Amino acid sequence: MNEERRKSLTRALDLIEDARNIVDEIKGEEEEAFENLPESMQSGDKGEKAQAAIEALSEAYDALDNAIEHISTAKE
């Protein structure tokens, strides 16, 4: 791989890492918001939606982490 493509992949990695950090931050905020709900709301519709969002954000984080790993391998 030539230097120009490596630089482009480095830019892509930086953007994906930024996205991963944003997703992680929002996931943490959503977890905190869920934990601060009264127990009756945690088991209700609002709590279920929060848990679904947390799970989706966790999966998105993992996917971004995998993308970083694969792109890093490609850069070698």
PDB file of N, CA and C in Angstrom:
ATOM      1  N   MET A   1       0.852  -1.168   0.000  1.00  0.00           N
ATOM      2  CA  MET A   1       0.000   0.000   0.000  1.00  0.00           C
ATOM      3  C   MET A   1       0.897   1.229   0.000  1.00  0.00           C
ATOM      4  N   ASN A   2       0.535   2.195  -0.834  1.00  0.00           N
ATOM      5  CA  ASN A   2       1.375   3.384  -0.910  1.00  0.00           C
ATOM      6  C   ASN A   2       1.055   4.367   0.226  1.00  0.00           C
ATOM      7  N   GLU A   3       1.916   5.346   0.377  1.00  0.00           N
ATOM      8  CA  GLU A   3       1.821   6.307   1.482  1.00  0.00           C
ATOM      9  C   GLU A   3       0.527   7.126   1.428  1.00  0.00           C
ATOM     10  N   GLU A   4       0.096   7.497   0.243  1.00  0.00           N
ATOM     11  CA  GLU A   4      -1.126   8.303   0.108  1.00  0.00           C
ATOM     12  C   GLU A   4      -2.350   7.533   0.631  1.00  0.00           C
ATOM     13  N   ARG A   5      -2.441   6.269   0.282  1.00  0.00           N
ATOM     14  CA  ARG A   5      -3.562   5.461   0.772  1.00  0.00           C
ATOM     15  C   ARG A   5      -3.464   5.233   2.279  1.00  0.00           C
ATOM     16  N   ARG A   6      -2.249   5.065   2.781  1.00  0.00           N
ATOM     17  CA  ARG A   6      -2.083   4.923   4.235  1.00  0.00           C
ATOM     18  C   ARG A   6      -2.544   6.184   4.963  1.00  0.00           C
ATOM     19  N   LYS A   7      -2.204   7.352   4.409  1.00  0.00           N
ATOM     20  CA  LYS A   7      -2.645   8.608   5.022  1.00  0.00           C
ATOM     21  C   LYS A   7      -4.164   8.716   5.002  1.00  0.00           C
ATOM     22  N   SER A   8      -4.783   8.290   3.910  1.00  0.00           N
ATOM     23  CA  SER A   8      -6.248   8.309   3.825  1.00  0.00           C
ATOM     24  C   SER A   8      -6.859   7.371   4.861  1.00  0.00           C
ATOM     25  N   LEU A   9      -6.262   6.196   5.038  1.00  0.00           N
ATOM     26  CA  LEU A   9      -6.753   5.265   6.047  1.00  0.00           C
ATOM     27  C   LEU A   9      -6.549   5.813   7.457  1.00  0.00           C
ATOM     28  N   THR A  10      -5.470   6.528   7.664  1.00  0.00           N
ATOM     29  CA  THR A  10      -5.230   7.156   8.968  1.00  0.00           C
ATOM     30  C   THR A  10      -6.318   8.179   9.260  1.00  0.00           C
ATOM     31  N   ARG A  11      -6.688   8.966   8.253  1.00  0.00           N
ATOM     32  CA  ARG A  11      -7.794   9.934   8.414  1.00  0.00           C
ATOM     33  C   ARG A  11      -9.087   9.202   8.743  1.00  0.00           C
ATOM     34  N   ALA A  12      -9.343   8.106   8.022  1.00  0.00           N
ATOM     35  CA  ALA A  12     -10.550   7.323   8.275  1.00  0.00           C
ATOM     36  C   ALA A  12     -10.540   6.776   9.702  1.00  0.00           C
ATOM     37  N   LEU A  13      -9.393   6.260  10.140  1.00  0.00           N
ATOM     38  CA  LEU A  13      -9.282   5.740  11.506  1.00  0.00           C
ATOM     39  C   LEU A  13      -9.567   6.827  12.533  1.00  0.00           C
ATOM     40  N   ASP A  14      -9.037   8.016  12.317  1.00  0.00           N
ATOM     41  CA  ASP A  14      -9.284   9.129  13.237  1.00  0.00           C
ATOM     42  C   ASP A  14     -10.782   9.435  13.339  1.00  0.00           C
ATOM     43  N   LEU A  15     -11.459   9.450  12.199  1.00  0.00           N
ATOM     44  CA  LEU A  15     -12.897   9.734  12.189  1.00  0.00           C
ATOM     45  C   LEU A  15     -13.685   8.625  12.883  1.00  0.00           C
ATOM     46  N   ILE A  16     -13.324   7.382  12.615  1.00  0.00           N
ATOM     47  CA  ILE A  16     -14.023   6.265  13.237  1.00  0.00           C
ATOM     48  C   ILE A  16     -13.775   6.255  14.741  1.00  0.00           C
ATOM     49  N   GLU A  17     -12.554   6.557  15.157  1.00  0.00           N
ATOM     50  CA  GLU A  17     -12.255   6.622  16.586  1.00  0.00           C
ATOM     51  C   GLU A  17     -13.055   7.733  17.253  1.00  0.00           C
ATOM     52  N   ASP A  18     -13.195   8.877  16.584  1.00  0.00           N
ATOM     53  CA  ASP A  18     -14.032   9.962  17.114  1.00  0.00           C
ATOM     54  C   ASP A  18     -15.479   9.496  17.249  1.00  0.00           C
ATOM     55  N   ALA A  19     -15.986   8.824  16.226  1.00  0.00           N
ATOM     56  CA  ALA A  19     -17.357   8.315  16.257  1.00  0.00           C
ATOM     57  C   ALA A  19     -17.521   7.305  17.393  1.00  0.00           C
ATOM     58  N   ARG A  20     -16.555   6.412  17.543  1.00  0.00           N
ATOM     59  CA  ARG A  20     -16.619   5.409  18.609  1.00  0.00           C
ATOM     60  C   ARG A  20     -16.664   6.088  19.973  1.00  0.00           C
ATOM     61  N   ASN A  21     -15.854   7.131  20.164  1.00  0.00           N
ATOM     62  CA  ASN A  21     -15.839   7.844  21.439  1.00  0.00           C
ATOM     63  C   ASN A  21     -17.168   8.541  21.706  1.00  0.00           C
ATOM     64  N   ILE A  22     -17.765   9.115  20.671  1.00  0.00           N
ATOM     65  CA  ILE A  22     -19.069   9.772  20.810  1.00  0.00           C
ATOM     66  C   ILE A  22     -20.128   8.741  21.191  1.00  0.00           C
ATOM     67  N   VAL A  23     -20.138   7.617  20.495  1.00  0.00           N
ATOM     68  CA  VAL A  23     -21.106   6.557  20.787  1.00  0.00           C
ATOM     69  C   VAL A  23     -20.929   6.075  22.230  1.00  0.00           C
ATOM     70  N   ASP A  24     -19.702   5.895  22.662  1.00  0.00           N
ATOM     71  CA  ASP A  24     -19.432   5.432  24.021  1.00  0.00           C
ATOM     72  C   ASP A  24     -19.917   6.449  25.049  1.00  0.00           C
ATOM     73  N   GLU A  25     -19.697   7.716  24.780  1.00  0.00           N
ATOM     74  CA  GLU A  25     -20.137   8.771  25.697  1.00  0.00           C
ATOM     75  C   GLU A  25     -21.660   8.795  25.807  1.00  0.00           C
ATOM     76  N   ILE A  26     -22.335   8.720  24.674  1.00  0.00           N
ATOM     77  CA  ILE A  26     -23.796   8.748  24.682  1.00  0.00           C
ATOM     78  C   ILE A  26     -24.356   7.503  25.357  1.00  0.00           C
ATOM     79  N   LYS A  27     -23.734   6.353  25.110  1.00  0.00           N
ATOM     80  CA  LYS A  27     -24.151   5.109  25.767  1.00  0.00           C
ATOM     81  C   LYS A  27     -24.050   5.259  27.281  1.00  0.00           C
ATOM     82  N   GLY A  28     -22.965   5.830  27.754  1.00  0.00           N
ATOM     83  CA  GLY A  28     -22.792   6.056  29.191  1.00  0.00           C
ATOM     84  C   GLY A  28     -23.853   6.987  29.753  1.00  0.00           C
ATOM     85  N   GLU A  29     -24.171   8.029  29.008  1.00  0.00           N
ATOM     86  CA  GLU A  29     -25.212   8.961  29.444  1.00  0.00           C
ATOM     87  C   GLU A  29     -26.571   8.266  29.487  1.00  0.00           C
ATOM     88  N   GLU A  30     -26.852   7.432  28.489  1.00  0.00           N
ATOM     89  CA  GLU A  30     -28.126   6.708  28.442  1.00  0.00           C
ATOM     90  C   GLU A  30     -28.209   5.708  29.590  1.00  0.00           C
ATOM     91  N   GLU A  31     -27.097   5.037  29.902  1.00  0.00           N
ATOM     92  CA  GLU A  31     -27.073   4.100  31.029  1.00  0.00           C
ATOM     93  C   GLU A  31     -27.345   4.836  32.340  1.00  0.00           C
ATOM     94  N   GLU A  32     -26.737   6.000  32.487  1.00  0.00           N
ATOM     95  CA  GLU A  32     -26.938   6.788  33.701  1.00  0.00           C
ATOM     96  C   GLU A  32     -28.388   7.249  33.808  1.00  0.00           C
ATOM     97  N   ALA A  33     -28.954   7.692  32.677  1.00  0.00           N
ATOM     98  CA  ALA A  33     -30.348   8.130  32.676  1.00  0.00           C
ATOM     99  C   ALA A  33     -31.268   6.968  33.051  1.00  0.00           C
ATOM    100  N   PHE A  34     -30.989   5.782  32.517  1.00  0.00           N
ATOM    101  CA  PHE A  34     -31.793   4.602  32.849  1.00  0.00           C
ATOM    102  C   PHE A  34     -31.697   4.294  34.338  1.00  0.00           C
ATOM    103  N   GLU A  35     -30.491   4.314  34.872  1.00  0.00           N
ATOM    104  CA  GLU A  35     -30.291   3.999  36.287  1.00  0.00           C
ATOM    105  C   GLU A  35     -30.990   5.000  37.198  1.00  0.00           C
ATOM    106  N   ASN A  36     -31.157   6.228  36.721  1.00  0.00           N
ATOM    107  CA  ASN A  36     -31.803   7.259  37.525  1.00  0.00           C
ATOM    108  C   ASN A  36     -33.326   7.229  37.422  1.00  0.00           C
ATOM    109  N   LEU A  37     -33.860   6.373  36.544  1.00  0.00           N
ATOM    110  CA  LEU A  37     -35.312   6.229  36.453  1.00  0.00           C
ATOM    111  C   LEU A  37     -35.822   5.486  37.679  1.00  0.00           C
ATOM    112  N   PRO A  38     -37.018   5.823  38.131  1.00  0.00           N
ATOM    113  CA  PRO A  38     -37.620   5.007  39.195  1.00  0.00           C
ATOM    114  C   PRO A  38     -37.802   3.574  38.693  1.00  0.00           C
ATOM    115  N   GLU A  39     -37.776   2.614  39.608  1.00  0.00           N
ATOM    116  CA  GLU A  39     -37.882   1.208  39.215  1.00  0.00           C
ATOM    117  C   GLU A  39     -39.125   0.935  38.382  1.00  0.00           C
ATOM    118  N   SER A  40     -40.224   1.581  38.722  1.00  0.00           N
ATOM    119  CA  SER A  40     -41.453   1.354  37.972  1.00  0.00           C
ATOM    120  C   SER A  40     -41.307   1.788  36.509  1.00  0.00           C
ATOM    121  N   MET A  41     -40.532   2.818  36.262  1.00  0.00           N
ATOM    122  CA  MET A  41     -40.316   3.286  34.892  1.00  0.00           C
ATOM    123  C   MET A  41     -39.266   2.448  34.173  1.00  0.00           C
ATOM    124  N   GLN A  42     -38.306   1.906  34.923  1.00  0.00           N
ATOM    125  CA  GLN A  42     -37.283   1.058  34.311  1.00  0.00           C
ATOM    126  C   GLN A  42     -37.904  -0.172  33.666  1.00  0.00           C
ATOM    127  N   SER A  43     -38.936  -0.706  34.274  1.00  0.00           N
ATOM    128  CA  SER A  43     -39.580  -1.892  33.725  1.00  0.00           C
ATOM    129  C   SER A  43     -40.715  -1.543  32.768  1.00  0.00           C
ATOM    130  N   GLY A  44     -40.979  -0.270  32.597  1.00  0.00           N
ATOM    131  CA  GLY A  44     -42.034   0.165  31.691  1.00  0.00           C
ATOM    132  C   GLY A  44     -41.514   0.439  30.292  1.00  0.00           C
ATOM    133  N   ASP A  45     -42.354   1.072  29.500  1.00  0.00           N
ATOM    134  CA  ASP A  45     -42.028   1.359  28.099  1.00  0.00           C
ATOM    135  C   ASP A  45     -40.778   2.232  27.963  1.00  0.00           C
ATOM    136  N   LYS A  46     -40.686   3.251  28.797  1.00  0.00           N
ATOM    137  CA  LYS A  46     -39.528   4.141  28.730  1.00  0.00           C
ATOM    138  C   LYS A  46     -38.231   3.403  29.049  1.00  0.00           C
ATOM    139  N   GLY A  47     -38.280   2.547  30.046  1.00  0.00           N
ATOM    140  CA  GLY A  47     -37.102   1.764  30.421  1.00  0.00           C
ATOM    141  C   GLY A  47     -36.709   0.775  29.333  1.00  0.00           C
ATOM    142  N   GLU A  48     -37.709   0.152  28.719  1.00  0.00           N
ATOM    143  CA  GLU A  48     -37.425  -0.792  27.644  1.00  0.00           C
ATOM    144  C   GLU A  48     -36.781  -0.097  26.447  1.00  0.00           C
ATOM    145  N   LYS A  49     -37.278   1.102  26.135  1.00  0.00           N
ATOM    146  CA  LYS A  49     -36.689   1.863  25.027  1.00  0.00           C
ATOM    147  C   LYS A  49     -35.253   2.265  25.352  1.00  0.00           C
ATOM    148  N   ALA A  50     -35.015   2.646  26.589  1.00  0.00           N
ATOM    149  CA  ALA A  50     -33.659   3.020  27.001  1.00  0.00           C
ATOM    150  C   ALA A  50     -32.728   1.812  26.905  1.00  0.00           C
ATOM    151  N   GLN A  51     -33.193   0.650  27.362  1.00  0.00           N
ATOM    152  CA  GLN A  51     -32.365  -0.554  27.296  1.00  0.00           C
ATOM    153  C   GLN A  51     -32.076  -0.949  25.846  1.00  0.00           C
ATOM    154  N   ALA A  52     -33.067  -0.793  24.974  1.00  0.00           N
ATOM    155  CA  ALA A  52     -32.856  -1.104  23.556  1.00  0.00           C
ATOM    156  C   ALA A  52     -31.821  -0.151  22.955  1.00  0.00           C
ATOM    157  N   ALA A  53     -31.889   1.121  23.338  1.00  0.00           N
ATOM    158  CA  ALA A  53     -30.921   2.103  22.837  1.00  0.00           C
ATOM    159  C   ALA A  53     -29.519   1.772  23.341  1.00  0.00           C
ATOM    160  N   ILE A  54     -29.418   1.404  24.610  1.00  0.00           N
ATOM    161  CA  ILE A  54     -28.117   1.052  25.194  1.00  0.00           C
ATOM    162  C   ILE A  54     -27.524  -0.155  24.468  1.00  0.00           C
ATOM    163  N   GLU A  55     -28.352  -1.146  24.211  1.00  0.00           N
ATOM    164  CA  GLU A  55     -27.877  -2.335  23.508  1.00  0.00           C
ATOM    165  C   GLU A  55     -27.431  -1.997  22.081  1.00  0.00           C
ATOM    166  N   ALA A  56     -28.213  -1.180  21.394  1.00  0.00           N
ATOM    167  CA  ALA A  56     -27.854  -0.786  20.029  1.00  0.00           C
ATOM    168  C   ALA A  56     -26.558   0.012  20.010  1.00  0.00           C
ATOM    169  N   LEU A  57     -26.394   0.899  20.975  1.00  0.00           N
ATOM    170  CA  LEU A  57     -25.162   1.688  21.047  1.00  0.00           C
ATOM    171  C   LEU A  57     -23.963   0.807  21.371  1.00  0.00           C
ATOM    172  N   SER A  58     -24.168  -0.191  22.202  1.00  0.00           N
ATOM    173  CA  SER A  58     -23.088  -1.129  22.518  1.00  0.00           C
ATOM    174  C   SER A  58     -22.669  -1.902  21.269  1.00  0.00           C
ATOM    175  N   GLU A  59     -23.652  -2.329  20.486  1.00  0.00           N
ATOM    176  CA  GLU A  59     -23.344  -3.042  19.245  1.00  0.00           C
ATOM    177  C   GLU A  59     -22.651  -2.123  18.241  1.00  0.00           C
ATOM    178  N   ALA A  60     -23.078  -0.874  18.185  1.00  0.00           N
ATOM    179  CA  ALA A  60     -22.440   0.088  17.285  1.00  0.00           C
ATOM    180  C   ALA A  60     -20.989   0.317  17.700  1.00  0.00           C
ATOM    181  N   TYR A  61     -20.757   0.436  19.009  1.00  0.00           N
ATOM    182  CA  TYR A  61     -19.397   0.609  19.520  1.00  0.00           C
ATOM    183  C   TYR A  61     -18.521  -0.567  19.099  1.00  0.00           C
ATOM    184  N   ASP A  62     -19.047  -1.779  19.283  1.00  0.00           N
ATOM    185  CA  ASP A  62     -18.288  -2.972  18.907  1.00  0.00           C
ATOM    186  C   ASP A  62     -17.989  -3.002  17.413  1.00  0.00           C
ATOM    187  N   ALA A  63     -18.967  -2.606  16.602  1.00  0.00           N
ATOM    188  CA  ALA A  63     -18.764  -2.589  15.151  1.00  0.00           C
ATOM    189  C   ALA A  63     -17.691  -1.569  14.768  1.00  0.00           C
ATOM    190  N   LEU A  64     -17.714  -0.411  15.402  1.00  0.00           N
ATOM    191  CA  LEU A  64     -16.690   0.598  15.129  1.00  0.00           C
ATOM    192  C   LEU A  64     -15.322   0.102  15.582  1.00  0.00           C
ATOM    193  N   ASP A  65     -15.289  -0.584  16.712  1.00  0.00           N
ATOM    194  CA  ASP A  65     -14.039  -1.150  17.213  1.00  0.00           C
ATOM    195  C   ASP A  65     -13.492  -2.182  16.219  1.00  0.00           C
ATOM    196  N   ASN A  66     -14.373  -3.013  15.675  1.00  0.00           N
ATOM    197  CA  ASN A  66     -13.954  -3.987  14.672  1.00  0.00           C
ATOM    198  C   ASN A  66     -13.447  -3.300  13.411  1.00  0.00           C
ATOM    199  N   ALA A  67     -14.110  -2.235  13.006  1.00  0.00           N
ATOM    200  CA  ALA A  67     -13.673  -1.496  11.817  1.00  0.00           C
ATOM    201  C   ALA A  67     -12.268  -0.934  12.034  1.00  0.00           C
ATOM    202  N   ILE A  68     -12.020  -0.406  13.220  1.00  0.00           N
ATOM    203  CA  ILE A  68     -10.691   0.125  13.534  1.00  0.00           C
ATOM    204  C   ILE A  68      -9.648  -0.983  13.435  1.00  0.00           C
ATOM    205  N   GLU A  69      -9.976  -2.128  13.983  1.00  0.00           N
ATOM    206  CA  GLU A  69      -9.036  -3.258  13.950  1.00  0.00           C
ATOM    207  C   GLU A  69      -8.733  -3.682  12.506  1.00  0.00           C
ATOM    208  N   HIS A  70      -9.771  -3.803  11.680  1.00  0.00           N
ATOM    209  CA  HIS A  70      -9.576  -4.248  10.299  1.00  0.00           C
ATOM    210  C   HIS A  70      -8.811  -3.222   9.466  1.00  0.00           C
ATOM    211  N   ILE A  71      -9.132  -1.957   9.653  1.00  0.00           N
ATOM    212  CA  ILE A  71      -8.429  -0.916   8.895  1.00  0.00           C
ATOM    213  C   ILE A  71      -6.968  -0.833   9.327  1.00  0.00           C
ATOM    214  N   SER A  72      -6.736  -0.988  10.629  1.00  0.00           N
ATOM    215  CA  SER A  72      -5.357  -0.985  11.120  1.00  0.00           C
ATOM    216  C   SER A  72      -4.561  -2.131  10.498  1.00  0.00           C
ATOM    217  N   THR A  73      -5.198  -3.280  10.400  1.00  0.00           N
ATOM    218  CA  THR A  73      -4.535  -4.435   9.769  1.00  0.00           C
ATOM    219  C   THR A  73      -4.234  -4.144   8.303  1.00  0.00           C
ATOM    220  N   ALA A  74      -5.172  -3.530   7.618  1.00  0.00           N
ATOM    221  CA  ALA A  74      -4.987  -3.206   6.203  1.00  0.00           C
ATOM    222  C   ALA A  74      -3.844  -2.212   5.991  1.00  0.00           C
ATOM    223  N   LYS A  75      -3.640  -1.333   6.953  1.00  0.00           N
ATOM    224  CA  LYS A  75      -2.566  -0.324   6.846  1.00  0.00           C
ATOM    225  C   LYS A  75      -1.172  -0.919   6.962  1.00  0.00           C
ATOM    226  N   GLU A  76      -1.050  -2.082   7.569  1.00  0.00           N
ATOM    227  CA  GLU A  76       0.278  -2.654   7.840  1.00  0.00           C
ATOM    228  C   GLU A  76       1.016  -3.000   6.593  1.00  0.00           C
TER     229      GLU A  76
END
